[in-house]
Amino acid sequence: MSDDLSQNLTHQVPEGFEPLAWHRGFGRTVGPLFEKRTSEGLIRGFRVGSHHTNGMMNAHGGMVMTFADLAWGGAVEKDDDTWWVTVRLTCDFLSGAPHGAWIEGSGTVVSNIDGVYTVDGRIWSGDKTVMTGTGIFKIIEKRV
């Protein structure tokens, strides 16, 4: 028996989104997660499952921050082999997202000084902004 959360995806995923290949460790706990690469950039997404919720059955703030880290950090990725770490993440919660909602997020690089990138980011569900903020990320060498 497998406990891989992406093994039997039974919820709807919007067209163009593919499973994000992060199935070990913490990624397995917060997944399944998805991404869509377009000519305009990278968008990541997830469906709010029961394991993502707080007592009010909304996406837990910690989950939304985790997702923001992943979505906004994706703005510095050059390809699937780019490794990066988070230096700082500043988040402003603007609204909630209920169980079952589809959440998306992306970021835009606003500066790169000595390989340290500043990214402005947004998390949304439909036409509602859930969170905005800024992330600072550094690309690192891939570890074997």
Protein backbone atom coordinates (compact mmCIF):
# COMPACT_ATOMS: atom_id res chain seq x y z
CA MET A 1 0.00 0.00 0.00
CA SER A 2 1.24 3.49 -0.83
CA ASP A 3 0.62 6.70 1.08
CA ASP A 4 1.66 8.90 -1.87
CA LEU A 5 -0.97 11.66 -1.92
CA SER A 6 -0.70 12.06 -5.69
CA GLN A 7 -1.21 8.36 -6.46
CA ASN A 8 -4.99 8.44 -6.82
CA LEU A 9 -5.94 12.00 -7.68
CA THR A 10 -9.72 12.13 -7.56
CA HIS A 11 -10.24 15.89 -7.48
CA GLN A 12 -10.44 18.10 -10.52
CA VAL A 13 -7.32 19.93 -11.60
CA PRO A 14 -7.65 22.82 -14.09
CA GLU A 15 -6.44 22.20 -17.62
CA GLY A 16 -2.73 22.67 -18.20
CA PHE A 17 -1.65 21.84 -14.63
CA GLU A 18 0.66 18.87 -14.09
CA PRO A 19 1.66 17.23 -10.80
CA LEU A 20 4.69 18.86 -9.21
CA ALA A 21 7.43 16.28 -8.71
CA TRP A 22 7.84 16.80 -4.98
CA HIS A 23 6.77 13.52 -3.42
CA ARG A 24 9.25 13.06 -0.57
CA GLY A 25 9.38 14.45 2.91
CA PHE A 26 7.46 17.64 3.53
CA GLY A 27 6.20 17.75 -0.08
CA ARG A 28 4.37 14.51 0.51
CA THR A 29 2.74 15.96 3.60
CA VAL A 30 1.44 19.17 1.99
CA GLY A 31 0.65 17.78 -1.48
CA PRO A 32 -0.51 17.07 -3.96
CA LEU A 33 0.77 20.22 -5.65
CA PHE A 34 0.63 21.18 -9.33
CA GLU A 35 2.23 23.58 -11.79
CA LYS A 36 1.60 25.09 -15.18
CA ARG A 37 4.40 26.61 -17.23
CA THR A 38 3.32 29.25 -19.73
CA SER A 39 5.10 31.80 -21.88
CA GLU A 40 4.23 34.33 -19.16
CA GLY A 41 5.78 32.29 -16.35
CA LEU A 42 5.15 29.60 -13.78
CA ILE A 43 1.87 29.18 -11.91
CA ARG A 44 1.56 26.65 -9.11
CA GLY A 45 -1.67 25.36 -7.62
CA PHE A 46 -3.39 22.99 -5.22
CA ARG A 47 -6.90 21.94 -4.24
CA VAL A 48 -7.65 22.59 -0.54
CA GLY A 49 -8.02 19.12 0.96
CA SER A 50 -9.07 18.26 4.49
CA HIS A 51 -5.40 17.87 5.50
CA HIS A 52 -4.81 21.52 4.44
CA THR A 53 -7.56 23.02 6.61
CA ASN A 54 -7.87 24.77 9.95
CA GLY A 55 -10.77 24.45 12.41
CA MET A 56 -12.96 26.68 10.23
CA MET A 57 -12.42 24.36 7.23
CA ASN A 58 -10.44 27.05 5.39
CA ALA A 59 -6.91 26.59 4.07
CA HIS A 60 -4.66 26.82 7.13
CA GLY A 61 -2.45 29.91 7.15
CA GLY A 62 0.64 27.74 7.50
CA MET A 63 -0.33 25.84 4.37
CA VAL A 64 -0.93 29.05 2.44
CA MET A 65 2.48 30.36 3.55
CA THR A 66 4.13 27.06 2.58
CA PHE A 67 2.45 27.29 -0.81
CA ALA A 68 3.48 30.95 -1.20
CA ASP A 69 7.09 29.97 -0.53
CA LEU A 70 6.90 27.34 -3.25
CA ALA A 71 4.96 29.46 -5.76
CA TRP A 72 6.99 32.63 -5.36
CA GLY A 73 10.30 30.78 -5.20
CA GLY A 74 9.41 29.24 -8.54
CA ALA A 75 9.91 32.67 -10.11
CA VAL A 76 13.69 32.24 -9.76
CA GLU A 77 13.79 28.77 -11.35
CA LYS A 78 15.56 28.63 -14.68
CA ASP A 79 14.64 24.96 -15.20
CA ASP A 80 13.60 21.85 -13.27
CA ASP A 81 17.17 21.50 -11.96
CA THR A 82 17.38 24.91 -10.26
CA TRP A 83 17.79 24.65 -6.49
CA TRP A 84 16.99 27.63 -4.29
CA VAL A 85 16.52 28.48 -0.63
CA THR A 86 14.30 31.02 1.05
CA VAL A 87 16.02 33.91 2.82
CA ARG A 88 12.86 35.78 3.87
CA LEU A 89 9.13 35.50 3.27
CA THR A 90 6.74 38.33 4.13
CA CYS A 91 3.04 37.53 3.80
CA ASP A 92 -0.18 39.52 4.10
CA PHE A 93 -3.33 37.43 4.54
CA LEU A 94 -6.25 39.08 2.74
CA SER A 95 -8.97 36.42 2.62
CA GLY A 96 -9.62 32.73 3.20
CA ALA A 97 -10.08 29.78 0.86
CA PRO A 98 -12.54 27.06 1.89
CA HIS A 99 -12.11 23.29 1.74
CA GLY A 100 -12.38 22.23 -1.91
CA ALA A 101 -11.20 25.57 -3.37
CA TRP A 102 -8.55 25.62 -6.09
CA ILE A 103 -5.68 27.96 -5.12
CA GLU A 104 -3.05 29.35 -7.50
CA GLY A 105 0.06 31.41 -6.97
CA SER A 106 2.91 33.04 -8.84
CA GLY A 107 5.65 35.56 -8.37
CA THR A 108 7.56 38.17 -10.34
CA VAL A 109 11.27 38.85 -9.90
CA VAL A 110 11.72 42.55 -9.10
CA SER A 111 15.46 42.52 -8.40
CA ASN A 112 18.56 40.36 -8.47
CA ILE A 113 21.56 41.60 -6.52
CA ASP A 114 24.54 39.23 -6.29
CA GLY A 115 22.32 36.19 -6.89
CA VAL A 116 19.79 37.15 -4.22
CA TYR A 117 16.37 37.57 -5.83
CA THR A 118 13.46 39.64 -4.55
CA VAL A 119 10.06 38.42 -5.75
CA ASP A 120 6.65 40.06 -5.46
CA GLY A 121 3.99 37.40 -5.16
CA ARG A 122 0.26 36.78 -5.13
CA ILE A 123 -1.90 33.81 -4.08
CA TRP A 124 -5.48 33.68 -5.33
CA SER A 125 -8.59 31.53 -5.60
CA GLY A 126 -10.82 32.42 -8.54
CA ASP A 127 -11.06 36.21 -8.59
CA LYS A 128 -10.26 36.56 -4.87
CA THR A 129 -6.77 37.43 -3.64
CA VAL A 130 -5.90 35.23 -0.66
CA MET A 131 -2.40 36.56 0.06
CA THR A 132 0.20 38.99 -1.24
CA GLY A 133 3.77 39.38 -0.18
CA THR A 134 7.45 39.37 -0.94
CA GLY A 135 10.00 36.59 -0.97
CA ILE A 136 13.77 36.76 -1.02
CA PHE A 137 15.46 33.69 -2.52
CA LYS A 138 19.00 32.55 -3.29
CA ILE A 139 19.91 29.98 -5.93
CA ILE A 140 22.28 27.33 -4.58
CA GLU A 141 24.30 24.50 -6.09
CA LYS A 142 22.46 21.24 -6.54
CA ARG A 143 23.36 18.66 -3.93
CA VAL A 144 23.76 15.04 -4.84
